Amino acid sequence: EFPPPVIPEDNKPTVAGVELGRMLFYEKRLSGDNTQACASCHQQQDMFSDIRQFSIGVDELQGKRQAMAIFNLAWHSNGMFWDGRSQLVRDQALKPIQDPLEMNETLENVVAKLSAMKTYRDQFIRTFGDDTITSERISMDIEQFEFTMISNNSRFDQFQKGEVLLT
């Protein structure tokens, strides 16, 4: 059994917020050349991680690290990234967008791109009650979506409970 998750009081997940976060997680317009999404490196089939030693970003540039797995983050308390430099999931969400080796985009440009799209304006209305798109709101919705990525009863979980041996 998992203990209760540690969800920030100011960002309790909602259906609309998680859906918007999912849209943003898979949105390639978050990158400078519109080719990279969060999901480009945090691939679902690889436990929302990257099987490469160094993740590949825009212009096929090799990053400095592997994209870490991002499941069970609602229980994570050691800081984000391999070095723990971001305390909250929402803080982590914006850094790859701005990293020149990863998504290579500015937050101002991301906000402008999304603000120009009716689909996003409508989803921000459903989530926040108005169509104001900000980098803070983007990060909070990605955080909500990432809180839903839960490993439940995997072979590792079964091993931890003494139910199976890993081979």
Foldseek 3Di string as FASTA:
>chain_A
DDDDFQDDPVQAADPLLLVLLVCQQPFQQLFPVSPDHQCQALPVVVQGWHPDQFDAAPPRATHPGTGDHLAQQSRDQQADDPVRPHGAQLRVRNVQSCDCRHRNDDQVSSQVVLLVDPVQQVSCCVVPVGSRDGSSSNSSSNRSNSNPRYDDPDVVVCVVVVNDDDD
